[in-house]
Amino acid sequence: MANYAISANQLTEGTSVFIRGKLAFARLTSLIEGAALAASDQRKVQNGMSPVGKPHTTATITEAEVQFADPANPTVEEQFVSERRYTSKKNPASGANYSIDSKGTNLPIIAIPSEKGDGTYDQDTSGQELAQGLDVTLVLRVYKPKNFANRGLSLDQVIVHETPRYYNAGGVASGELAARGIVFNTPPRAVQAQPGTESAFGNGEEPVATEVEDGLSFPAPQPAVAAPVAAPAPAQVHTQVATAPVAVLPEAPAAPVPAPVPAVQPQQETPEQKLARLERENAELKNAGSAVGAPAGQGPWGGSGDAQQAGITY
């Protein structure tokens, strides 16, 4: 532990100290409490510091210099603050650092230069956290905690000495936006998701990722209405299923079936008729022996015999 010349019990309650530097980190517009407090205290213990243990605001500045009311005769309170500056092990080039954890439920007043440009200040009521690197002065006040012998320091005001910039959770500086013609009427604030709300897709479903391998992204697919799919034919089921009664229409009368037509029985030939038929057919075959255009005496079979030999005899 460092040896200090001034102890807390030497401070006078109600006196103020001004210390100026570059803002390195701050939580000024809301209290560190709940889960954030537990995580903050755990980090402090891991770094060898004492946990705060109560809701608080905090600020850390680099290149910190106490603004002495009379440099020739610094007050006890100014000396107390000045000797509690430290060099950062992680960033020694940042010069003398000063940090304060201000316990209590009161938030510090943030003063910013007036837009009138007359050297006056207005209170910043935007509710936004100040950006890193701003030129600021921390106004500290000595107070006496209840049931505690020593005095403590609270952060009462933060005076900004330049046009205010704000911490942007989105990571895009307002200057970069302004260079492209995008200027907000009031600085944008990060929007926190409300816990316990369902996804816009319903039923806790998450949207399908839209990143592709080449680094490009496309709009997330919109939910589509599924096309009806024909159900497969159900397997034969032996259980009887009750169905709604179906009206039975009267059956149309069947068309009259025509009476069968009796088959015509071939007439029996008499021996005389059969003999006459055969002689007639034999004569026709004889006459066919002379084809049109064929040489005389040559029948359709190309032979030179007479037609009697080429005919059919019985």
C-alpha atoms as a PDB file:
ATOM      1  CA  MET A   1       0.000   0.000   0.000  1.00  0.00           C
ATOM      2  CA  ALA A   2       1.271   3.461  -0.892  1.00  0.00           C
ATOM      3  CA  ASN A   3       2.256   5.830   1.892  1.00  0.00           C
ATOM      4  CA  TYR A   4       0.228   9.064   1.683  1.00  0.00           C
ATOM      5  CA  ALA A   5       0.975  12.291   3.462  1.00  0.00           C
ATOM      6  CA  ILE A   6      -2.686  13.190   3.835  1.00  0.00           C
ATOM      7  CA  SER A   7      -5.293  10.849   5.336  1.00  0.00           C
ATOM      8  CA  ALA A   8      -9.068  10.941   4.863  1.00  0.00           C
ATOM      9  CA  ASN A   9      -9.776  12.010   8.426  1.00  0.00           C
ATOM     10  CA  GLN A  10      -7.941  15.320   7.726  1.00  0.00           C
ATOM     11  CA  LEU A  11     -10.407  16.403   5.079  1.00  0.00           C
ATOM     12  CA  THR A  12     -13.007  19.071   5.653  1.00  0.00           C
ATOM     13  CA  GLU A  13     -16.574  18.068   4.865  1.00  0.00           C
ATOM     14  CA  GLY A  14     -18.209  20.080   2.060  1.00  0.00           C
ATOM     15  CA  THR A  15     -15.006  21.286   0.379  1.00  0.00           C
ATOM     16  CA  SER A  16     -14.414  20.701  -3.349  1.00  0.00           C
ATOM     17  CA  VAL A  17     -11.499  19.618  -5.540  1.00  0.00           C
ATOM     18  CA  PHE A  18     -11.216  20.077  -9.341  1.00  0.00           C
ATOM     19  CA  ILE A  19      -9.118  17.625 -11.352  1.00  0.00           C
ATOM     20  CA  ARG A  20      -8.817  17.803 -15.140  1.00  0.00           C
ATOM     21  CA  GLY A  21      -7.808  15.196 -17.722  1.00  0.00           C
ATOM     22  CA  LYS A  22      -8.853  13.034 -20.658  1.00  0.00           C
ATOM     23  CA  LEU A  23     -11.834  10.795 -20.049  1.00  0.00           C
ATOM     24  CA  ALA A  24     -10.743   7.159 -20.285  1.00  0.00           C
ATOM     25  CA  PHE A  25     -13.826   5.447 -18.902  1.00  0.00           C
ATOM     26  CA  ALA A  26     -17.053   6.568 -17.288  1.00  0.00           C
ATOM     27  CA  ARG A  27     -20.426   5.372 -16.137  1.00  0.00           C
ATOM     28  CA  LEU A  28     -22.251   8.561 -15.253  1.00  0.00           C
ATOM     29  CA  THR A  29     -25.861   8.367 -16.472  1.00  0.00           C
ATOM     30  CA  SER A  30     -26.912   5.210 -14.612  1.00  0.00           C
ATOM     31  CA  LEU A  31     -25.845   3.369 -11.492  1.00  0.00           C
ATOM     32  CA  ILE A  32     -23.645   0.318 -11.523  1.00  0.00           C
ATOM     33  CA  GLU A  33     -25.780  -2.125  -9.567  1.00  0.00           C
ATOM     34  CA  GLY A  34     -27.158  -5.642  -9.575  1.00  0.00           C
ATOM     35  CA  ALA A  35     -25.333  -8.090 -11.832  1.00  0.00           C
ATOM     36  CA  ALA A  36     -23.122  -5.284 -13.212  1.00  0.00           C
ATOM     37  CA  LEU A  37     -22.016  -4.416  -9.671  1.00  0.00           C
ATOM     38  CA  ALA A  38     -21.179  -8.046  -8.897  1.00  0.00           C
ATOM     39  CA  ALA A  39     -19.114  -8.340 -12.088  1.00  0.00           C
ATOM     40  CA  SER A  40     -17.347  -5.025 -11.411  1.00  0.00           C
ATOM     41  CA  ASP A  41     -16.460  -6.007  -7.853  1.00  0.00           C
ATOM     42  CA  GLN A  42     -15.146  -9.358  -9.053  1.00  0.00           C
ATOM     43  CA  ARG A  43     -12.832  -7.631 -11.527  1.00  0.00           C
ATOM     44  CA  LYS A  44     -11.568  -5.293  -8.809  1.00  0.00           C
ATOM     45  CA  VAL A  45     -10.748  -8.210  -6.523  1.00  0.00           C
ATOM     46  CA  GLN A  46      -8.933  -9.994  -9.346  1.00  0.00           C
ATOM     47  CA  ASN A  47      -6.852  -6.836  -9.894  1.00  0.00           C
ATOM     48  CA  GLY A  48      -5.954  -6.575  -6.210  1.00  0.00           C
ATOM     49  CA  MET A  49      -8.378  -3.743  -5.362  1.00  0.00           C
ATOM     50  CA  SER A  50     -11.160  -3.503  -2.811  1.00  0.00           C
ATOM     51  CA  PRO A  51     -14.734  -4.091  -4.056  1.00  0.00           C
ATOM     52  CA  VAL A  52     -17.148  -1.172  -3.900  1.00  0.00           C
ATOM     53  CA  GLY A  53     -20.068  -3.271  -2.677  1.00  0.00           C
ATOM     54  CA  LYS A  54     -22.727  -0.575  -3.229  1.00  0.00           C
ATOM     55  CA  PRO A  55     -24.434   1.024  -6.250  1.00  0.00           C
ATOM     56  CA  HIS A  56     -22.215   3.748  -7.652  1.00  0.00           C
ATOM     57  CA  THR A  57     -21.059   5.780 -10.635  1.00  0.00           C
ATOM     58  CA  THR A  58     -17.454   5.806 -11.803  1.00  0.00           C
ATOM     59  CA  ALA A  59     -14.969   7.805 -13.867  1.00  0.00           C
ATOM     60  CA  THR A  60     -11.326   7.425 -14.835  1.00  0.00           C
ATOM     61  CA  ILE A  61      -9.206  10.156 -16.448  1.00  0.00           C
ATOM     62  CA  THR A  62      -5.699  10.122 -17.874  1.00  0.00           C
ATOM     63  CA  GLU A  63      -3.154  13.011 -17.883  1.00  0.00           C
ATOM     64  CA  ALA A  64      -4.839  14.033 -14.655  1.00  0.00           C
ATOM     65  CA  GLU A  65      -3.886  17.367 -13.097  1.00  0.00           C
ATOM     66  CA  VAL A  66      -5.407  18.926  -9.990  1.00  0.00           C
ATOM     67  CA  GLN A  67      -6.654  22.477 -10.633  1.00  0.00           C
ATOM     68  CA  PHE A  68      -5.291  24.248  -7.559  1.00  0.00           C
ATOM     69  CA  ALA A  69      -7.207  27.283  -6.441  1.00  0.00           C
ATOM     70  CA  ASP A  70      -3.850  28.700  -5.305  1.00  0.00           C
ATOM     71  CA  PRO A  71      -0.916  26.708  -6.684  1.00  0.00           C
ATOM     72  CA  ALA A  72       1.358  28.284  -4.100  1.00  0.00           C
ATOM     73  CA  ASN A  73      -0.865  27.144  -1.242  1.00  0.00           C
ATOM     74  CA  PRO A  74      -2.655  23.872  -2.140  1.00  0.00           C
ATOM     75  CA  THR A  75      -5.414  22.820   0.202  1.00  0.00           C
ATOM     76  CA  VAL A  76      -5.319  19.624   2.204  1.00  0.00           C
ATOM     77  CA  GLU A  77      -8.096  18.233   0.008  1.00  0.00           C
ATOM     78  CA  GLU A  78      -6.222  19.103  -3.213  1.00  0.00           C
ATOM     79  CA  GLN A  79      -3.088  17.399  -1.894  1.00  0.00           C
ATOM     80  CA  PHE A  80      -5.146  14.386  -0.873  1.00  0.00           C
ATOM     81  CA  VAL A  81      -6.461  13.967  -4.436  1.00  0.00           C
ATOM     82  CA  SER A  82      -3.161  14.794  -6.152  1.00  0.00           C
ATOM     83  CA  GLU A  83      -1.172  12.142  -4.331  1.00  0.00           C
ATOM     84  CA  ARG A  84      -3.738   9.503  -5.164  1.00  0.00           C
ATOM     85  CA  ARG A  85      -3.063   9.697  -8.853  1.00  0.00           C
ATOM     86  CA  TYR A  86      -1.341   6.617 -10.255  1.00  0.00           C
ATOM     87  CA  THR A  87       0.446   5.276 -13.307  1.00  0.00           C
ATOM     88  CA  SER A  88      -1.399   2.631 -15.305  1.00  0.00           C
ATOM     89  CA  LYS A  89       0.542  -0.624 -15.610  1.00  0.00           C
ATOM     90  CA  LYS A  90      -1.252  -1.451 -18.866  1.00  0.00           C
ATOM     91  CA  ASN A  91      -0.820   2.008 -20.375  1.00  0.00           C
ATOM     92  CA  PRO A  92       2.055   3.859 -18.687  1.00  0.00           C
ATOM     93  CA  ALA A  93       2.203   6.418 -21.524  1.00  0.00           C
ATOM     94  CA  SER A  94      -1.180   7.804 -20.411  1.00  0.00           C
ATOM     95  CA  GLY A  95       0.522   9.794 -17.659  1.00  0.00           C
ATOM     96  CA  ALA A  96      -1.004  10.226 -14.215  1.00  0.00           C
ATOM     97  CA  ASN A  97      -4.403   8.535 -13.912  1.00  0.00           C
ATOM     98  CA  TYR A  98      -7.157   9.222 -11.439  1.00  0.00           C
ATOM     99  CA  SER A  99     -10.244   7.102 -10.714  1.00  0.00           C
ATOM    100  CA  ILE A 100     -13.226   7.581  -8.484  1.00  0.00           C
ATOM    101  CA  ASP A 101     -16.113   5.314  -7.555  1.00  0.00           C
ATOM    102  CA  SER A 102     -18.837   7.604  -6.266  1.00  0.00           C
ATOM    103  CA  LYS A 103     -21.225   5.722  -3.977  1.00  0.00           C
ATOM    104  CA  GLY A 104     -24.845   6.751  -3.534  1.00  0.00           C
ATOM    105  CA  THR A 105     -27.965   7.119  -5.632  1.00  0.00           C
ATOM    106  CA  ASN A 106     -27.279  10.613  -7.002  1.00  0.00           C
ATOM    107  CA  LEU A 107     -25.946  10.882 -10.557  1.00  0.00           C
ATOM    108  CA  PRO A 108     -23.357  13.587 -11.289  1.00  0.00           C
ATOM    109  CA  ILE A 109     -24.365  16.707 -13.186  1.00  0.00           C
ATOM    110  CA  ILE A 110     -22.798  16.827 -16.663  1.00  0.00           C
ATOM    111  CA  ALA A 111     -22.076  20.333 -18.003  1.00  0.00           C
ATOM    112  CA  ILE A 112     -21.399  20.950 -21.698  1.00  0.00           C
ATOM    113  CA  PRO A 113     -20.503  24.161 -23.586  1.00  0.00           C
ATOM    114  CA  SER A 114     -23.563  26.183 -24.563  1.00  0.00           C
ATOM    115  CA  GLU A 115     -24.492  26.368 -28.226  1.00  0.00           C
ATOM    116  CA  LYS A 116     -24.561  30.145 -27.809  1.00  0.00           C
ATOM    117  CA  GLY A 117     -20.769  30.129 -27.889  1.00  0.00           C
ATOM    118  CA  ASP A 118     -20.551  32.709 -25.096  1.00  0.00           C
ATOM    119  CA  GLY A 119     -18.451  30.560 -22.750  1.00  0.00           C
ATOM    120  CA  THR A 120     -21.398  29.454 -20.635  1.00  0.00           C
ATOM    121  CA  TYR A 121     -22.465  25.873 -19.951  1.00  0.00           C
ATOM    122  CA  ASP A 122     -25.690  23.903 -20.173  1.00  0.00           C
ATOM    123  CA  GLN A 123     -26.610  20.765 -18.338  1.00  0.00           C
ATOM    124  CA  ASP A 124     -26.499  17.667 -20.547  1.00  0.00           C
ATOM    125  CA  THR A 125     -29.796  15.847 -20.146  1.00  0.00           C
ATOM    126  CA  SER A 126     -29.394  13.477 -23.113  1.00  0.00           C
ATOM    127  CA  GLY A 127     -28.882  10.497 -20.814  1.00  0.00           C
ATOM    128  CA  GLN A 128     -25.943   9.310 -22.922  1.00  0.00           C
ATOM    129  CA  GLU A 129     -22.518   8.275 -21.714  1.00  0.00           C
ATOM    130  CA  LEU A 130     -19.661  10.566 -22.669  1.00  0.00           C
ATOM    131  CA  ALA A 131     -17.140   9.327 -25.201  1.00  0.00           C
ATOM    132  CA  GLN A 132     -13.587   8.359 -24.440  1.00  0.00           C
ATOM    133  CA  GLY A 133     -10.916  11.046 -24.890  1.00  0.00           C
ATOM    134  CA  LEU A 134     -13.032  14.090 -24.006  1.00  0.00           C
ATOM    135  CA  ASP A 135     -11.314  16.929 -22.153  1.00  0.00           C
ATOM    136  CA  VAL A 136     -13.164  17.024 -18.823  1.00  0.00           C
ATOM    137  CA  THR A 137     -12.883  18.249 -15.258  1.00  0.00           C
ATOM    138  CA  LEU A 138     -14.160  16.106 -12.407  1.00  0.00           C
ATOM    139  CA  VAL A 139     -15.613  18.110  -9.518  1.00  0.00           C
ATOM    140  CA  LEU A 140     -15.167  16.158  -6.286  1.00  0.00           C
ATOM    141  CA  ARG A 141     -16.821  16.931  -2.975  1.00  0.00           C
ATOM    142  CA  VAL A 142     -15.797  15.804   0.481  1.00  0.00           C
ATOM    143  CA  TYR A 143     -18.540  14.195   2.570  1.00  0.00           C
ATOM    144  CA  LYS A 144     -18.806  12.204   5.768  1.00  0.00           C
ATOM    145  CA  PRO A 145     -20.521   8.842   5.459  1.00  0.00           C
ATOM    146  CA  LYS A 146     -23.000   7.867   8.139  1.00  0.00           C
ATOM    147  CA  ASN A 147     -21.599   5.710  10.914  1.00  0.00           C
ATOM    148  CA  PHE A 148     -18.101   6.123   9.493  1.00  0.00           C
ATOM    149  CA  ALA A 149     -15.297   8.156  11.059  1.00  0.00           C
ATOM    150  CA  ASN A 150     -13.350   9.020   7.918  1.00  0.00           C
ATOM    151  CA  ARG A 151     -14.451  11.274   5.091  1.00  0.00           C
ATOM    152  CA  GLY A 152     -15.023  10.266   1.515  1.00  0.00           C
ATOM    153  CA  LEU A 153     -15.166  11.823  -1.945  1.00  0.00           C
ATOM    154  CA  SER A 154     -18.169  11.938  -4.213  1.00  0.00           C
ATOM    155  CA  LEU A 155     -18.317  12.861  -7.893  1.00  0.00           C
ATOM    156  CA  ASP A 156     -20.684  15.827  -8.029  1.00  0.00           C
ATOM    157  CA  GLN A 157     -20.114  17.227 -11.540  1.00  0.00           C
ATOM    158  CA  VAL A 158     -18.358  16.496 -14.831  1.00  0.00           C
ATOM    159  CA  ILE A 159     -17.509  19.607 -16.861  1.00  0.00           C
ATOM    160  CA  VAL A 160     -16.865  19.009 -20.568  1.00  0.00           C
ATOM    161  CA  HIS A 161     -14.484  21.546 -22.171  1.00  0.00           C
ATOM    162  CA  GLU A 162     -15.271  20.746 -25.820  1.00  0.00           C
ATOM    163  CA  THR A 163     -18.194  19.830 -28.034  1.00  0.00           C
ATOM    164  CA  PRO A 164     -19.556  16.707 -26.409  1.00  0.00           C
ATOM    165  CA  ARG A 165     -19.194  13.321 -28.029  1.00  0.00           C
ATOM    166  CA  TYR A 166     -20.958  10.245 -26.817  1.00  0.00           C
ATOM    167  CA  TYR A 167     -20.207   6.601 -26.466  1.00  0.00           C
ATOM    168  CA  ASN A 168     -21.760   4.791 -29.429  1.00  0.00           C
ATOM    169  CA  ALA A 169     -22.524   1.117 -28.803  1.00  0.00           C
ATOM    170  CA  GLY A 170     -22.871   0.644 -32.559  1.00  0.00           C
ATOM    171  CA  GLY A 171     -19.217   1.545 -33.075  1.00  0.00           C
ATOM    172  CA  VAL A 172     -19.815   4.213 -35.773  1.00  0.00           C
ATOM    173  CA  ALA A 173     -18.479   7.651 -34.885  1.00  0.00           C
ATOM    174  CA  SER A 174     -20.798  10.606 -35.483  1.00  0.00           C
ATOM    175  CA  GLY A 175     -18.006  12.323 -37.437  1.00  0.00           C
ATOM    176  CA  GLU A 176     -17.879   9.490 -39.937  1.00  0.00           C
ATOM    177  CA  LEU A 177     -21.638   9.732 -40.427  1.00  0.00           C
ATOM    178  CA  ALA A 178     -21.530  13.527 -40.800  1.00  0.00           C
ATOM    179  CA  ALA A 179     -18.830  13.222 -43.477  1.00  0.00           C
ATOM    180  CA  ARG A 180     -21.368  11.233 -45.503  1.00  0.00           C
ATOM    181  CA  GLY A 181     -24.169  13.716 -44.979  1.00  0.00           C
ATOM    182  CA  ILE A 182     -25.882  11.762 -42.174  1.00  0.00           C
ATOM    183  CA  VAL A 183     -26.582  14.037 -39.210  1.00  0.00           C
ATOM    184  CA  PHE A 184     -28.853  13.134 -36.301  1.00  0.00           C
ATOM    185  CA  ASN A 185     -30.923  15.843 -34.628  1.00  0.00           C
ATOM    186  CA  THR A 186     -30.055  14.199 -31.315  1.00  0.00           C
ATOM    187  CA  PRO A 187     -27.247  11.678 -30.839  1.00  0.00           C
ATOM    188  CA  PRO A 188     -28.522   8.107 -31.265  1.00  0.00           C
ATOM    189  CA  ARG A 189     -28.711   5.782 -28.307  1.00  0.00           C
ATOM    190  CA  ALA A 190     -28.263   2.030 -28.267  1.00  0.00           C
ATOM    191  CA  VAL A 191     -31.512   0.116 -27.817  1.00  0.00           C
ATOM    192  CA  GLN A 192     -31.416  -2.762 -25.372  1.00  0.00           C
ATOM    193  CA  ALA A 193     -33.437  -5.898 -26.061  1.00  0.00           C
ATOM    194  CA  GLN A 194     -36.111  -6.661 -23.505  1.00  0.00           C
ATOM    195  CA  PRO A 195     -35.524 -10.016 -21.810  1.00  0.00           C
ATOM    196  CA  GLY A 196     -38.176 -12.670 -22.050  1.00  0.00           C
ATOM    197  CA  THR A 197     -39.688 -11.504 -25.323  1.00  0.00           C
ATOM    198  CA  GLU A 198     -40.288 -14.013 -28.063  1.00  0.00           C
ATOM    199  CA  SER A 199     -38.688 -13.846 -31.467  1.00  0.00           C
ATOM    200  CA  ALA A 200     -40.547 -12.112 -34.264  1.00  0.00           C
ATOM    201  CA  PHE A 201     -40.849 -15.526 -35.849  1.00  0.00           C
ATOM    202  CA  GLY A 202     -42.869 -16.832 -32.888  1.00  0.00           C
ATOM    203  CA  ASN A 203     -42.537 -19.995 -30.841  1.00  0.00           C
ATOM    204  CA  GLY A 204     -38.986 -19.114 -29.912  1.00  0.00           C
ATOM    205  CA  GLU A 205     -37.690 -19.791 -33.405  1.00  0.00           C
ATOM    206  CA  GLU A 206     -34.665 -17.965 -34.655  1.00  0.00           C
ATOM    207  CA  PRO A 207     -34.197 -16.486 -38.142  1.00  0.00           C
ATOM    208  CA  VAL A 208     -32.006 -18.414 -40.528  1.00  0.00           C
ATOM    209  CA  ALA A 209     -28.442 -17.059 -40.778  1.00  0.00           C
ATOM    210  CA  THR A 210     -27.896 -14.896 -43.854  1.00  0.00           C
ATOM    211  CA  GLU A 211     -24.082 -14.876 -43.934  1.00  0.00           C
ATOM    212  CA  VAL A 212     -22.460 -16.577 -46.881  1.00  0.00           C
ATOM    213  CA  GLU A 213     -18.894 -17.703 -47.421  1.00  0.00           C
ATOM    214  CA  ASP A 214     -17.843 -14.679 -49.483  1.00  0.00           C
ATOM    215  CA  GLY A 215     -18.744 -12.344 -46.642  1.00  0.00           C
ATOM    216  CA  LEU A 216     -21.788 -10.877 -48.341  1.00  0.00           C
ATOM    217  CA  SER A 217     -25.172 -10.955 -46.727  1.00  0.00           C
ATOM    218  CA  PHE A 218     -28.650 -11.110 -48.075  1.00  0.00           C
ATOM    219  CA  PRO A 219     -32.010 -10.210 -46.574  1.00  0.00           C
ATOM    220  CA  ALA A 220     -33.231 -12.821 -44.202  1.00  0.00           C
ATOM    221  CA  PRO A 221     -35.731 -15.169 -45.867  1.00  0.00           C
ATOM    222  CA  GLN A 222     -39.349 -14.379 -45.237  1.00  0.00           C
ATOM    223  CA  PRO A 223     -41.603 -17.122 -43.879  1.00  0.00           C
ATOM    224  CA  ALA A 224     -43.272 -18.865 -46.821  1.00  0.00           C
ATOM    225  CA  VAL A 225     -46.607 -20.614 -46.862  1.00  0.00           C
ATOM    226  CA  ALA A 226     -45.965 -24.280 -47.344  1.00  0.00           C
ATOM    227  CA  ALA A 227     -47.562 -25.792 -50.429  1.00  0.00           C
ATOM    228  CA  PRO A 228     -50.054 -28.531 -49.674  1.00  0.00           C
ATOM    229  CA  VAL A 229     -48.494 -31.939 -49.961  1.00  0.00           C
ATOM    230  CA  ALA A 230     -50.584 -34.913 -51.022  1.00  0.00           C
ATOM    231  CA  ALA A 231     -50.859 -37.324 -48.145  1.00  0.00           C
ATOM    232  CA  PRO A 232     -49.699 -40.880 -48.822  1.00  0.00           C
ATOM    233  CA  ALA A 233     -52.377 -43.492 -49.316  1.00  0.00           C
ATOM    234  CA  PRO A 234     -53.319 -44.805 -45.890  1.00  0.00           C
ATOM    235  CA  ALA A 235     -52.588 -48.408 -45.101  1.00  0.00           C
ATOM    236  CA  GLN A 236     -55.526 -50.740 -44.767  1.00  0.00           C
ATOM    237  CA  VAL A 237     -57.054 -50.304 -41.361  1.00  0.00           C
ATOM    238  CA  HIS A 238     -59.279 -52.938 -39.844  1.00  0.00           C
ATOM    239  CA  THR A 239     -60.935 -50.564 -37.428  1.00  0.00           C
ATOM    240  CA  GLN A 240     -64.327 -49.362 -38.542  1.00  0.00           C
ATOM    241  CA  VAL A 241     -64.542 -45.594 -38.794  1.00  0.00           C
ATOM    242  CA  ALA A 242     -67.836 -43.843 -38.391  1.00  0.00           C
ATOM    243  CA  THR A 243     -68.650 -41.600 -41.309  1.00  0.00           C
ATOM    244  CA  ALA A 244     -71.366 -39.101 -41.952  1.00  0.00           C
ATOM    245  CA  PRO A 245     -74.496 -40.554 -43.551  1.00  0.00           C
ATOM    246  CA  VAL A 246     -74.535 -40.248 -47.315  1.00  0.00           C
ATOM    247  CA  ALA A 247     -77.761 -39.761 -49.238  1.00  0.00           C
ATOM    248  CA  VAL A 248     -78.484 -42.734 -51.509  1.00  0.00           C
ATOM    249  CA  LEU A 249     -79.931 -41.808 -54.908  1.00  0.00           C
ATOM    250  CA  PRO A 250     -82.404 -44.161 -56.612  1.00  0.00           C
ATOM    251  CA  GLU A 251     -80.678 -46.464 -59.036  1.00  0.00           C
ATOM    252  CA  ALA A 252     -81.345 -45.734 -62.686  1.00  0.00           C
ATOM    253  CA  PRO A 253     -83.350 -48.490 -64.456  1.00  0.00           C
ATOM    254  CA  ALA A 254     -81.203 -50.852 -66.447  1.00  0.00           C
ATOM    255  CA  ALA A 255     -81.527 -50.710 -70.209  1.00  0.00           C
ATOM    256  CA  PRO A 256     -83.553 -53.632 -71.662  1.00  0.00           C
ATOM    257  CA  VAL A 257     -81.393 -56.417 -72.965  1.00  0.00           C
ATOM    258  CA  PRO A 258     -82.308 -57.269 -76.597  1.00  0.00           C
ATOM    259  CA  ALA A 259     -83.479 -60.782 -77.263  1.00  0.00           C
ATOM    260  CA  PRO A 260     -80.804 -62.994 -78.733  1.00  0.00           C
ATOM    261  CA  VAL A 261     -80.957 -63.348 -82.476  1.00  0.00           C
ATOM    262  CA  PRO A 262     -81.138 -67.001 -83.402  1.00  0.00           C
ATOM    263  CA  ALA A 263     -78.163 -68.149 -85.349  1.00  0.00           C
ATOM    264  CA  VAL A 264     -78.788 -69.048 -88.975  1.00  0.00           C
ATOM    265  CA  GLN A 265     -78.191 -72.719 -89.426  1.00  0.00           C
ATOM    266  CA  PRO A 266     -76.414 -73.636 -92.635  1.00  0.00           C
ATOM    267  CA  GLN A 267     -78.629 -75.540 -95.057  1.00  0.00           C
ATOM    268  CA  GLN A 268     -77.572 -79.142 -95.686  1.00  0.00           C
ATOM    269  CA  GLU A 269     -76.478 -79.831 -99.282  1.00  0.00           C
ATOM    270  CA  THR A 270     -77.934 -82.705-101.069  1.00  0.00           C
ATOM    271  CA  PRO A 271     -75.524 -85.027-102.912  1.00  0.00           C
ATOM    272  CA  GLU A 272     -76.718 -83.561-106.195  1.00  0.00           C
ATOM    273  CA  GLN A 273     -76.107 -79.973-105.026  1.00  0.00           C
ATOM    274  CA  LYS A 274     -72.638 -80.803-103.737  1.00  0.00           C
ATOM    275  CA  LEU A 275     -71.690 -82.498-107.068  1.00  0.00           C
ATOM    276  CA  ALA A 276     -72.948 -79.516-109.062  1.00  0.00           C
ATOM    277  CA  ARG A 277     -70.961 -77.095-106.828  1.00  0.00           C
ATOM    278  CA  LEU A 278     -67.736 -79.047-107.240  1.00  0.00           C
ATOM    279  CA  GLU A 279     -68.083 -79.223-111.012  1.00  0.00           C
ATOM    280  CA  ARG A 280     -68.712 -75.473-111.132  1.00  0.00           C
ATOM    281  CA  GLU A 281     -65.619 -74.679-109.053  1.00  0.00           C
ATOM    282  CA  ASN A 282     -63.518 -77.063-111.177  1.00  0.00           C
ATOM    283  CA  ALA A 283     -64.662 -75.311-114.357  1.00  0.00           C
ATOM    284  CA  GLU A 284     -63.727 -71.900-112.865  1.00  0.00           C
ATOM    285  CA  LEU A 285     -60.245 -73.154-112.126  1.00  0.00           C
ATOM    286  CA  LYS A 286     -59.873 -74.356-115.705  1.00  0.00           C
ATOM    287  CA  ASN A 287     -60.923 -70.983-117.078  1.00  0.00           C
ATOM    288  CA  ALA A 288     -58.364 -69.242-114.803  1.00  0.00           C
ATOM    289  CA  GLY A 289     -55.562 -71.099-116.538  1.00  0.00           C
ATOM    290  CA  SER A 290     -55.247 -68.404-119.260  1.00  0.00           C
ATOM    291  CA  ALA A 291     -54.085 -65.180-117.572  1.00  0.00           C
ATOM    292  CA  VAL A 292     -54.447 -61.851-119.360  1.00  0.00           C
ATOM    293  CA  GLY A 293     -51.278 -61.077-121.335  1.00  0.00           C
ATOM    294  CA  ALA A 294     -49.815 -64.525-120.897  1.00  0.00           C
ATOM    295  CA  PRO A 295     -48.559 -66.418-123.966  1.00  0.00           C
ATOM    296  CA  ALA A 296     -51.000 -68.857-125.412  1.00  0.00           C
ATOM    297  CA  GLY A 297     -50.740 -72.274-123.977  1.00  0.00           C
ATOM    298  CA  GLN A 298     -48.886 -70.982-120.755  1.00  0.00           C
ATOM    299  CA  GLY A 299     -50.849 -71.188-117.561  1.00  0.00           C
ATOM    300  CA  PRO A 300     -50.399 -69.199-114.327  1.00  0.00           C
ATOM    301  CA  TRP A 301     -47.939 -71.771-112.965  1.00  0.00           C
ATOM    302  CA  GLY A 302     -45.512 -71.235-115.883  1.00  0.00           C
ATOM    303  CA  GLY A 303     -45.887 -74.728-117.200  1.00  0.00           C
ATOM    304  CA  SER A 304     -46.742 -75.797-120.745  1.00  0.00           C
ATOM    305  CA  GLY A 305     -49.159 -78.556-119.789  1.00  0.00           C
ATOM    306  CA  ASP A 306     -52.831 -78.046-120.416  1.00  0.00           C
ATOM    307  CA  ALA A 307     -55.232 -76.650-117.872  1.00  0.00           C
ATOM    308  CA  GLN A 308     -56.689 -80.023-117.031  1.00  0.00           C
ATOM    309  CA  GLN A 309     -53.434 -81.108-115.475  1.00  0.00           C
ATOM    310  CA  ALA A 310     -53.179 -77.837-113.460  1.00  0.00           C
ATOM    311  CA  GLY A 311     -56.759 -78.013-112.237  1.00  0.00           C
ATOM    312  CA  ILE A 312     -58.230 -79.739-109.251  1.00  0.00           C
ATOM    313  CA  THR A 313     -59.817 -83.104-110.029  1.00  0.00           C
ATOM    314  CA  TYR A 314     -62.093 -85.069-107.855  1.00  0.00           C
END
